[in-house]
Amino acid sequence: MRSDRSQSAGLSLKIAAGAGLAFLHLPILLIFVYAFTTEEKSFQWPPPGFTSKWFAVAWNRPDIWEALWLSVKVASIATVIALVLGTLAAAAVARTKFFGREVISLLVILPIALPGIITGIALRSAFSLADIPFSFWTIILGHATFCVVVVYNNAVARFRRTSGSLIEASMDLGADGFQTFRHVILPNIATALLAGGMLAFALSFDEVIVTTFTAGQQSTLPIWMLEELIRPRQRPVTNVVAMLVVIVTFLPILAAYYLTRDTDQIAGSGK
């Protein structure tokens, strides 16, 4: 009797999990389907026909390439800033003890905990008060606020799993601070930094809300997609671009998952 109940409960959980996954991923599959539809003014289901012409149309649109290049540049620079600041903050919090350490940790994490619209309004107000014109760099600063958190979370967890005795041994053997970082610390945190950087790039690449408040008249790829949705013609082009965004953001997230799934195998961890 108990076995039958367990099997019934297990089947129910599997059905519920399958339904949840379908609910999450079917809309993404619809994006791929509508990228090939022959209908260019609305989203009909089922599609009246299929064509690949929209890929050629998207390829020849210079505004798409401009928005794509802007998104890539912003995401790349924001990721570099996040790697530097996030790693330094993680090292300070994880490897040293000082007054207010937990408060600093909370302040670093806060931007990603707050709703994006709050962060966007705060940044816009700050830029306006400081008379900073909206530009390429204001977008980067806006994206860096939450990209730092992603790198910080990965790095601080890895720092805490890396034994301090390794650093002490390196110092005892005559290595200076740079040599210890290069040969001991960096190899232990490298995959965490790479994963954090990939996640930061993915988040920056498809960010909409903060970008809306900090971009001014510029259009990153997600902003371009929002503007295109209100136009009555060539809507499948938007779905073609959406496919690109899905692929560009999915690959770094997948790579980050594989890089961090075996984090228990760290040299000197727990010793």
C-alpha atoms as a PDB file:
ATOM      1  CA  MET A   1       0.000   0.000   0.000  1.00  0.00           C
ATOM      2  CA  ARG A   2       2.757   2.425   0.944  1.00  0.00           C
ATOM      3  CA  SER A   3       4.675   1.525  -2.221  1.00  0.00           C
ATOM      4  CA  ASP A   4       1.618   2.261  -4.369  1.00  0.00           C
ATOM      5  CA  ARG A   5       1.208   5.651  -2.675  1.00  0.00           C
ATOM      6  CA  SER A   6       4.889   6.448  -3.214  1.00  0.00           C
ATOM      7  CA  GLN A   7       4.640   5.560  -6.898  1.00  0.00           C
ATOM      8  CA  SER A   8       1.471   7.637  -7.243  1.00  0.00           C
ATOM      9  CA  ALA A   9       3.128  10.619  -5.511  1.00  0.00           C
ATOM     10  CA  GLY A  10       6.236  10.217  -7.673  1.00  0.00           C
ATOM     11  CA  LEU A  11       4.131  10.174 -10.849  1.00  0.00           C
ATOM     12  CA  SER A  12       2.212  13.267  -9.724  1.00  0.00           C
ATOM     13  CA  LEU A  13       5.451  15.137  -9.058  1.00  0.00           C
ATOM     14  CA  LYS A  14       6.790  14.160 -12.486  1.00  0.00           C
ATOM     15  CA  ILE A  15       3.617  15.362 -14.179  1.00  0.00           C
ATOM     16  CA  ALA A  16       3.707  18.627 -12.222  1.00  0.00           C
ATOM     17  CA  ALA A  17       7.388  19.146 -13.049  1.00  0.00           C
ATOM     18  CA  GLY A  18       6.730  18.411 -16.733  1.00  0.00           C
ATOM     19  CA  ALA A  19       3.829  20.857 -16.800  1.00  0.00           C
ATOM     20  CA  GLY A  20       5.979  23.537 -15.150  1.00  0.00           C
ATOM     21  CA  LEU A  21       8.809  23.038 -17.632  1.00  0.00           C
ATOM     22  CA  ALA A  22       6.364  23.129 -20.548  1.00  0.00           C
ATOM     23  CA  PHE A  23       4.841  26.357 -19.217  1.00  0.00           C
ATOM     24  CA  LEU A  24       8.311  27.924 -19.035  1.00  0.00           C
ATOM     25  CA  HIS A  25       9.709  26.724 -22.359  1.00  0.00           C
ATOM     26  CA  LEU A  26       6.784  26.577 -24.794  1.00  0.00           C
ATOM     27  CA  PRO A  27       6.776  30.392 -25.233  1.00  0.00           C
ATOM     28  CA  ILE A  28      10.454  30.197 -26.178  1.00  0.00           C
ATOM     29  CA  LEU A  29       9.666  27.519 -28.763  1.00  0.00           C
ATOM     30  CA  LEU A  30       6.958  29.789 -30.186  1.00  0.00           C
ATOM     31  CA  ILE A  31       9.608  32.440 -30.802  1.00  0.00           C
ATOM     32  CA  PHE A  32      11.480  29.979 -32.990  1.00  0.00           C
ATOM     33  CA  VAL A  33       8.308  29.015 -34.855  1.00  0.00           C
ATOM     34  CA  TYR A  34       7.263  32.619 -35.547  1.00  0.00           C
ATOM     35  CA  ALA A  35      10.734  33.374 -36.907  1.00  0.00           C
ATOM     36  CA  PHE A  36       9.787  31.206 -39.904  1.00  0.00           C
ATOM     37  CA  THR A  37       6.168  32.287 -40.416  1.00  0.00           C
ATOM     38  CA  THR A  38       4.980  33.806 -43.716  1.00  0.00           C
ATOM     39  CA  GLU A  39       2.614  36.183 -41.878  1.00  0.00           C
ATOM     40  CA  GLU A  40       4.346  39.521 -41.333  1.00  0.00           C
ATOM     41  CA  LYS A  41       1.724  41.626 -39.553  1.00  0.00           C
ATOM     42  CA  SER A  42       0.401  39.491 -36.708  1.00  0.00           C
ATOM     43  CA  PHE A  43       0.996  36.297 -34.771  1.00  0.00           C
ATOM     44  CA  GLN A  44      -1.432  33.690 -36.100  1.00  0.00           C
ATOM     45  CA  TRP A  45      -1.695  30.168 -34.795  1.00  0.00           C
ATOM     46  CA  PRO A  46      -1.121  27.937 -36.539  1.00  0.00           C
ATOM     47  CA  PRO A  47       1.183  29.899 -38.855  1.00  0.00           C
ATOM     48  CA  PRO A  48      -0.225  30.087 -42.415  1.00  0.00           C
ATOM     49  CA  GLY A  49       3.121  28.973 -43.846  1.00  0.00           C
ATOM     50  CA  PHE A  50       6.842  28.805 -43.281  1.00  0.00           C
ATOM     51  CA  THR A  51       9.740  30.660 -44.884  1.00  0.00           C
ATOM     52  CA  SER A  52      13.352  31.491 -44.091  1.00  0.00           C
ATOM     53  CA  LYS A  53      13.345  34.873 -45.844  1.00  0.00           C
ATOM     54  CA  TRP A  54      13.258  36.790 -42.567  1.00  0.00           C
ATOM     55  CA  PHE A  55      16.804  35.715 -41.779  1.00  0.00           C
ATOM     56  CA  ALA A  56      18.016  37.438 -44.945  1.00  0.00           C
ATOM     57  CA  VAL A  57      15.925  40.506 -44.113  1.00  0.00           C
ATOM     58  CA  ALA A  58      17.416  40.667 -40.617  1.00  0.00           C
ATOM     59  CA  TRP A  59      20.950  40.152 -41.972  1.00  0.00           C
ATOM     60  CA  ASN A  60      20.581  43.190 -44.251  1.00  0.00           C
ATOM     61  CA  ARG A  61      19.180  45.535 -41.616  1.00  0.00           C
ATOM     62  CA  PRO A  62      21.944  47.926 -40.466  1.00  0.00           C
ATOM     63  CA  ASP A  63      19.936  49.019 -37.413  1.00  0.00           C
ATOM     64  CA  ILE A  64      20.057  45.445 -36.111  1.00  0.00           C
ATOM     65  CA  TRP A  65      23.825  45.280 -36.484  1.00  0.00           C
ATOM     66  CA  GLU A  66      24.228  48.638 -34.725  1.00  0.00           C
ATOM     67  CA  ALA A  67      22.081  47.513 -31.803  1.00  0.00           C
ATOM     68  CA  LEU A  68      23.867  44.155 -31.651  1.00  0.00           C
ATOM     69  CA  TRP A  69      27.313  45.759 -31.645  1.00  0.00           C
ATOM     70  CA  LEU A  70      26.251  48.197 -28.908  1.00  0.00           C
ATOM     71  CA  SER A  71      24.937  45.329 -26.768  1.00  0.00           C
ATOM     72  CA  VAL A  72      28.136  43.317 -27.229  1.00  0.00           C
ATOM     73  CA  LYS A  73      30.351  46.293 -26.334  1.00  0.00           C
ATOM     74  CA  VAL A  74      28.296  47.203 -23.275  1.00  0.00           C
ATOM     75  CA  ALA A  75      28.154  43.617 -22.029  1.00  0.00           C
ATOM     76  CA  SER A  76      31.885  43.072 -22.577  1.00  0.00           C
ATOM     77  CA  ILE A  77      33.018  46.213 -20.757  1.00  0.00           C
ATOM     78  CA  ALA A  78      30.469  45.772 -17.951  1.00  0.00           C
ATOM     79  CA  THR A  79      31.718  42.197 -17.494  1.00  0.00           C
ATOM     80  CA  VAL A  80      35.350  43.319 -17.253  1.00  0.00           C
ATOM     81  CA  ILE A  81      34.434  45.947 -14.652  1.00  0.00           C
ATOM     82  CA  ALA A  82      32.415  43.367 -12.742  1.00  0.00           C
ATOM     83  CA  LEU A  83      35.281  40.866 -12.776  1.00  0.00           C
ATOM     84  CA  VAL A  84      37.700  43.384 -11.294  1.00  0.00           C
ATOM     85  CA  LEU A  85      35.411  44.953  -8.684  1.00  0.00           C
ATOM     86  CA  GLY A  86      33.575  41.732  -7.829  1.00  0.00           C
ATOM     87  CA  THR A  87      36.805  39.800  -7.286  1.00  0.00           C
ATOM     88  CA  LEU A  88      38.341  42.514  -5.123  1.00  0.00           C
ATOM     89  CA  ALA A  89      35.186  42.820  -3.022  1.00  0.00           C
ATOM     90  CA  ALA A  90      34.955  39.047  -2.634  1.00  0.00           C
ATOM     91  CA  ALA A  91      38.594  38.810  -1.573  1.00  0.00           C
ATOM     92  CA  ALA A  92      38.123  41.559   1.015  1.00  0.00           C
ATOM     93  CA  VAL A  93      34.969  40.014   2.490  1.00  0.00           C
ATOM     94  CA  ALA A  94      36.070  36.378   2.416  1.00  0.00           C
ATOM     95  CA  ARG A  95      39.737  36.626   3.408  1.00  0.00           C
ATOM     96  CA  THR A  96      39.773  39.444   5.971  1.00  0.00           C
ATOM     97  CA  LYS A  97      37.820  40.491   9.063  1.00  0.00           C
ATOM     98  CA  PHE A  98      36.923  44.121   9.678  1.00  0.00           C
ATOM     99  CA  PHE A  99      34.148  46.226  11.163  1.00  0.00           C
ATOM    100  CA  GLY A 100      31.122  46.492   8.864  1.00  0.00           C
ATOM    101  CA  ARG A 101      32.064  43.511   6.691  1.00  0.00           C
ATOM    102  CA  GLU A 102      28.512  42.109   6.613  1.00  0.00           C
ATOM    103  CA  VAL A 103      27.076  45.533   5.813  1.00  0.00           C
ATOM    104  CA  ILE A 104      29.414  45.872   2.839  1.00  0.00           C
ATOM    105  CA  SER A 105      28.457  42.390   1.671  1.00  0.00           C
ATOM    106  CA  LEU A 106      24.776  43.358   1.860  1.00  0.00           C
ATOM    107  CA  LEU A 107      25.360  46.598  -0.058  1.00  0.00           C
ATOM    108  CA  VAL A 108      27.197  44.727  -2.823  1.00  0.00           C
ATOM    109  CA  ILE A 109      24.348  42.239  -3.232  1.00  0.00           C
ATOM    110  CA  LEU A 110      21.544  44.816  -2.897  1.00  0.00           C
ATOM    111  CA  PRO A 111      21.373  45.989  -6.566  1.00  0.00           C
ATOM    112  CA  ILE A 112      20.360  42.560  -7.821  1.00  0.00           C
ATOM    113  CA  ALA A 113      17.851  42.108  -4.993  1.00  0.00           C
ATOM    114  CA  LEU A 114      16.048  45.353  -5.758  1.00  0.00           C
ATOM    115  CA  PRO A 115      13.529  45.516  -8.631  1.00  0.00           C
ATOM    116  CA  GLY A 116      15.191  46.663 -11.840  1.00  0.00           C
ATOM    117  CA  ILE A 117      12.913  49.674 -12.132  1.00  0.00           C
ATOM    118  CA  ILE A 118      14.090  50.935  -8.717  1.00  0.00           C
ATOM    119  CA  THR A 119      17.723  50.613  -9.773  1.00  0.00           C
ATOM    120  CA  GLY A 120      16.961  52.325 -13.088  1.00  0.00           C
ATOM    121  CA  ILE A 121      15.162  55.256 -11.455  1.00  0.00           C
ATOM    122  CA  ALA A 122      17.946  55.649  -8.883  1.00  0.00           C
ATOM    123  CA  LEU A 123      20.646  55.686 -11.562  1.00  0.00           C
ATOM    124  CA  ARG A 124      18.722  58.106 -13.757  1.00  0.00           C
ATOM    125  CA  SER A 125      18.219  60.460 -10.816  1.00  0.00           C
ATOM    126  CA  ALA A 126      21.899  60.262  -9.895  1.00  0.00           C
ATOM    127  CA  PHE A 127      23.020  60.986 -13.465  1.00  0.00           C
ATOM    128  CA  SER A 128      20.617  63.922 -13.687  1.00  0.00           C
ATOM    129  CA  LEU A 129      21.783  65.413 -10.378  1.00  0.00           C
ATOM    130  CA  ALA A 130      25.413  65.066 -11.458  1.00  0.00           C
ATOM    131  CA  ASP A 131      24.646  66.555 -14.910  1.00  0.00           C
ATOM    132  CA  ILE A 132      26.036  63.430 -16.591  1.00  0.00           C
ATOM    133  CA  PRO A 133      24.617  63.112 -20.128  1.00  0.00           C
ATOM    134  CA  PHE A 134      23.198  59.747 -21.092  1.00  0.00           C
ATOM    135  CA  SER A 135      25.675  57.888 -23.246  1.00  0.00           C
ATOM    136  CA  PHE A 136      27.413  54.594 -23.891  1.00  0.00           C
ATOM    137  CA  TRP A 137      29.135  54.846 -20.514  1.00  0.00           C
ATOM    138  CA  THR A 138      25.961  55.441 -18.510  1.00  0.00           C
ATOM    139  CA  ILE A 139      24.588  52.161 -19.881  1.00  0.00           C
ATOM    140  CA  ILE A 140      27.789  50.406 -18.811  1.00  0.00           C
ATOM    141  CA  LEU A 141      27.612  51.878 -15.312  1.00  0.00           C
ATOM    142  CA  GLY A 142      24.003  50.778 -15.007  1.00  0.00           C
ATOM    143  CA  HIS A 143      24.791  47.231 -16.111  1.00  0.00           C
ATOM    144  CA  ALA A 144      27.885  47.006 -13.932  1.00  0.00           C
ATOM    145  CA  THR A 145      25.765  47.532 -10.798  1.00  0.00           C
ATOM    146  CA  PHE A 146      24.187  44.086 -11.106  1.00  0.00           C
ATOM    147  CA  CYS A 147      27.009  42.362 -13.012  1.00  0.00           C
ATOM    148  CA  VAL A 148      29.323  42.963 -10.028  1.00  0.00           C
ATOM    149  CA  VAL A 149      26.901  41.023  -7.837  1.00  0.00           C
ATOM    150  CA  VAL A 150      27.020  37.946 -10.093  1.00  0.00           C
ATOM    151  CA  VAL A 151      30.815  37.844 -10.072  1.00  0.00           C
ATOM    152  CA  TYR A 152      30.951  38.618  -6.354  1.00  0.00           C
ATOM    153  CA  ASN A 153      28.621  35.741  -5.430  1.00  0.00           C
ATOM    154  CA  ASN A 154      30.674  33.233  -7.433  1.00  0.00           C
ATOM    155  CA  ALA A 155      34.025  34.530  -6.239  1.00  0.00           C
ATOM    156  CA  VAL A 156      33.186  34.860  -2.541  1.00  0.00           C
ATOM    157  CA  ALA A 157      31.868  31.297  -2.420  1.00  0.00           C
ATOM    158  CA  ARG A 158      35.054  30.003  -4.007  1.00  0.00           C
ATOM    159  CA  PHE A 159      37.300  32.111  -1.756  1.00  0.00           C
ATOM    160  CA  ARG A 160      35.579  30.631   1.297  1.00  0.00           C
ATOM    161  CA  ARG A 161      36.151  27.101  -0.012  1.00  0.00           C
ATOM    162  CA  THR A 162      39.845  27.715  -0.653  1.00  0.00           C
ATOM    163  CA  SER A 163      41.972  26.833   2.345  1.00  0.00           C
ATOM    164  CA  GLY A 164      43.942  29.680   3.872  1.00  0.00           C
ATOM    165  CA  SER A 165      46.748  27.233   4.609  1.00  0.00           C
ATOM    166  CA  LEU A 166      47.601  27.188   0.899  1.00  0.00           C
ATOM    167  CA  ILE A 167      48.257  30.924   0.961  1.00  0.00           C
ATOM    168  CA  GLU A 168      50.246  30.652   4.177  1.00  0.00           C
ATOM    169  CA  ALA A 169      52.342  27.852   2.700  1.00  0.00           C
ATOM    170  CA  SER A 170      53.034  29.934  -0.398  1.00  0.00           C
ATOM    171  CA  MET A 171      54.163  32.864   1.728  1.00  0.00           C
ATOM    172  CA  ASP A 172      56.329  30.601   3.892  1.00  0.00           C
ATOM    173  CA  LEU A 173      58.075  29.331   0.761  1.00  0.00           C
ATOM    174  CA  GLY A 174      59.085  32.870  -0.186  1.00  0.00           C
ATOM    175  CA  ALA A 175      56.415  33.848  -2.718  1.00  0.00           C
ATOM    176  CA  ASP A 176      55.342  37.478  -2.756  1.00  0.00           C
ATOM    177  CA  GLY A 177      51.715  38.617  -2.967  1.00  0.00           C
ATOM    178  CA  PHE A 178      51.570  38.637  -6.783  1.00  0.00           C
ATOM    179  CA  GLN A 179      53.162  35.205  -7.088  1.00  0.00           C
ATOM    180  CA  THR A 180      50.766  33.779  -4.502  1.00  0.00           C
ATOM    181  CA  PHE A 181      47.811  35.231  -6.368  1.00  0.00           C
ATOM    182  CA  ARG A 182      49.033  33.985  -9.733  1.00  0.00           C
ATOM    183  CA  HIS A 183      50.067  30.456  -8.765  1.00  0.00           C
ATOM    184  CA  VAL A 184      47.798  29.636  -5.816  1.00  0.00           C
ATOM    185  CA  ILE A 185      44.696  31.825  -5.596  1.00  0.00           C
ATOM    186  CA  LEU A 186      43.915  32.326  -9.292  1.00  0.00           C
ATOM    187  CA  PRO A 187      43.972  28.617 -10.243  1.00  0.00           C
ATOM    188  CA  ASN A 188      41.499  27.932  -7.415  1.00  0.00           C
ATOM    189  CA  ILE A 189      39.058  30.708  -8.321  1.00  0.00           C
ATOM    190  CA  ALA A 190      39.521  30.752 -12.118  1.00  0.00           C
ATOM    191  CA  THR A 191      36.462  28.669 -13.000  1.00  0.00           C
ATOM    192  CA  ALA A 192      34.298  30.669 -10.579  1.00  0.00           C
ATOM    193  CA  LEU A 193      35.436  33.917 -12.195  1.00  0.00           C
ATOM    194  CA  LEU A 194      34.871  32.533 -15.682  1.00  0.00           C
ATOM    195  CA  ALA A 195      31.388  31.342 -14.754  1.00  0.00           C
ATOM    196  CA  GLY A 196      30.579  34.668 -13.083  1.00  0.00           C
ATOM    197  CA  GLY A 197      31.844  36.563 -16.103  1.00  0.00           C
ATOM    198  CA  MET A 198      29.707  34.484 -18.465  1.00  0.00           C
ATOM    199  CA  LEU A 199      26.608  34.987 -16.353  1.00  0.00           C
ATOM    200  CA  ALA A 200      27.327  38.714 -16.108  1.00  0.00           C
ATOM    201  CA  PHE A 201      27.705  38.957 -19.892  1.00  0.00           C
ATOM    202  CA  ALA A 202      24.418  37.096 -20.440  1.00  0.00           C
ATOM    203  CA  LEU A 203      22.537  39.312 -17.963  1.00  0.00           C
ATOM    204  CA  SER A 204      23.964  42.494 -19.457  1.00  0.00           C
ATOM    205  CA  PHE A 205      23.290  41.414 -23.033  1.00  0.00           C
ATOM    206  CA  ASP A 206      19.538  40.982 -22.510  1.00  0.00           C
ATOM    207  CA  GLU A 207      18.945  43.692 -19.879  1.00  0.00           C
ATOM    208  CA  VAL A 208      15.951  45.938 -20.623  1.00  0.00           C
ATOM    209  CA  ILE A 209      14.688  47.842 -17.581  1.00  0.00           C
ATOM    210  CA  VAL A 210      17.917  49.449 -16.353  1.00  0.00           C
ATOM    211  CA  THR A 211      18.932  50.151 -19.964  1.00  0.00           C
ATOM    212  CA  THR A 212      15.678  52.006 -20.572  1.00  0.00           C
ATOM    213  CA  PHE A 213      16.542  54.491 -17.821  1.00  0.00           C
ATOM    214  CA  THR A 214      20.230  54.922 -18.701  1.00  0.00           C
ATOM    215  CA  ALA A 215      20.467  54.684 -22.504  1.00  0.00           C
ATOM    216  CA  GLY A 216      19.022  57.998 -23.595  1.00  0.00           C
ATOM    217  CA  GLN A 217      18.505  57.830 -27.375  1.00  0.00           C
ATOM    218  CA  GLN A 218      20.636  54.717 -27.887  1.00  0.00           C
ATOM    219  CA  SER A 219      19.176  51.293 -28.566  1.00  0.00           C
ATOM    220  CA  THR A 220      20.698  48.055 -27.406  1.00  0.00           C
ATOM    221  CA  LEU A 221      19.360  44.889 -29.006  1.00  0.00           C
ATOM    222  CA  PRO A 222      16.625  44.241 -26.374  1.00  0.00           C
ATOM    223  CA  ILE A 223      15.483  47.885 -26.597  1.00  0.00           C
ATOM    224  CA  TRP A 224      15.425  47.603 -30.393  1.00  0.00           C
ATOM    225  CA  MET A 225      13.217  44.508 -30.084  1.00  0.00           C
ATOM    226  CA  LEU A 226      10.708  46.337 -27.882  1.00  0.00           C
ATOM    227  CA  GLU A 227      10.513  49.221 -30.328  1.00  0.00           C
ATOM    228  CA  GLU A 228      10.038  46.868 -33.288  1.00  0.00           C
ATOM    229  CA  LEU A 229       7.108  45.040 -31.684  1.00  0.00           C
ATOM    230  CA  ILE A 230       4.857  48.090 -32.090  1.00  0.00           C
ATOM    231  CA  ARG A 231       5.461  48.255 -35.850  1.00  0.00           C
ATOM    232  CA  PRO A 232       2.806  46.603 -38.040  1.00  0.00           C
ATOM    233  CA  ARG A 233       5.107  44.968 -40.599  1.00  0.00           C
ATOM    234  CA  GLN A 234       7.966  42.457 -40.603  1.00  0.00           C
ATOM    235  CA  ARG A 235       7.300  41.290 -37.048  1.00  0.00           C
ATOM    236  CA  PRO A 236       9.001  37.928 -37.756  1.00  0.00           C
ATOM    237  CA  VAL A 237      12.286  39.851 -37.985  1.00  0.00           C
ATOM    238  CA  THR A 238      11.906  40.561 -34.269  1.00  0.00           C
ATOM    239  CA  ASN A 239      11.566  36.836 -33.625  1.00  0.00           C
ATOM    240  CA  VAL A 240      14.712  36.151 -35.652  1.00  0.00           C
ATOM    241  CA  VAL A 241      16.592  38.608 -33.440  1.00  0.00           C
ATOM    242  CA  ALA A 242      14.969  37.055 -30.356  1.00  0.00           C
ATOM    243  CA  MET A 243      16.393  33.690 -31.446  1.00  0.00           C
ATOM    244  CA  LEU A 244      19.837  35.281 -31.527  1.00  0.00           C
ATOM    245  CA  VAL A 245      19.371  36.705 -28.012  1.00  0.00           C
ATOM    246  CA  VAL A 246      18.246  33.289 -26.707  1.00  0.00           C
ATOM    247  CA  ILE A 247      21.304  31.584 -28.186  1.00  0.00           C
ATOM    248  CA  VAL A 248      23.771  34.272 -27.080  1.00  0.00           C
ATOM    249  CA  THR A 249      22.470  34.228 -23.489  1.00  0.00           C
ATOM    250  CA  PHE A 250      21.897  30.469 -23.256  1.00  0.00           C
ATOM    251  CA  LEU A 251      25.406  29.399 -24.213  1.00  0.00           C
ATOM    252  CA  PRO A 252      27.240  31.371 -21.465  1.00  0.00           C
ATOM    253  CA  ILE A 253      24.715  30.209 -18.851  1.00  0.00           C
ATOM    254  CA  LEU A 254      25.154  26.589 -19.943  1.00  0.00           C
ATOM    255  CA  ALA A 255      28.937  26.936 -19.860  1.00  0.00           C
ATOM    256  CA  ALA A 256      28.770  28.542 -16.405  1.00  0.00           C
ATOM    257  CA  TYR A 257      26.686  25.620 -15.153  1.00  0.00           C
ATOM    258  CA  TYR A 258      29.224  23.051 -16.311  1.00  0.00           C
ATOM    259  CA  LEU A 259      32.092  25.086 -14.874  1.00  0.00           C
ATOM    260  CA  THR A 260      30.586  25.337 -11.399  1.00  0.00           C
ATOM    261  CA  ARG A 261      28.758  22.040 -10.938  1.00  0.00           C
ATOM    262  CA  ASP A 262      31.833  20.314  -9.420  1.00  0.00           C
ATOM    263  CA  THR A 263      32.819  23.091  -7.026  1.00  0.00           C
ATOM    264  CA  ASP A 264      33.410  20.594  -4.236  1.00  0.00           C
ATOM    265  CA  GLN A 265      36.596  19.466  -5.976  1.00  0.00           C
ATOM    266  CA  ILE A 266      38.712  22.435  -4.961  1.00  0.00           C
ATOM    267  CA  ALA A 267      42.355  22.118  -4.133  1.00  0.00           C
ATOM    268  CA  GLY A 268      42.776  22.304  -0.384  1.00  0.00           C
ATOM    269  CA  SER A 269      39.081  22.844   0.337  1.00  0.00           C
ATOM    270  CA  GLY A 270      37.956  21.966   3.775  1.00  0.00           C
ATOM    271  CA  LYS A 271      41.502  21.361   5.020  1.00  0.00           C
END
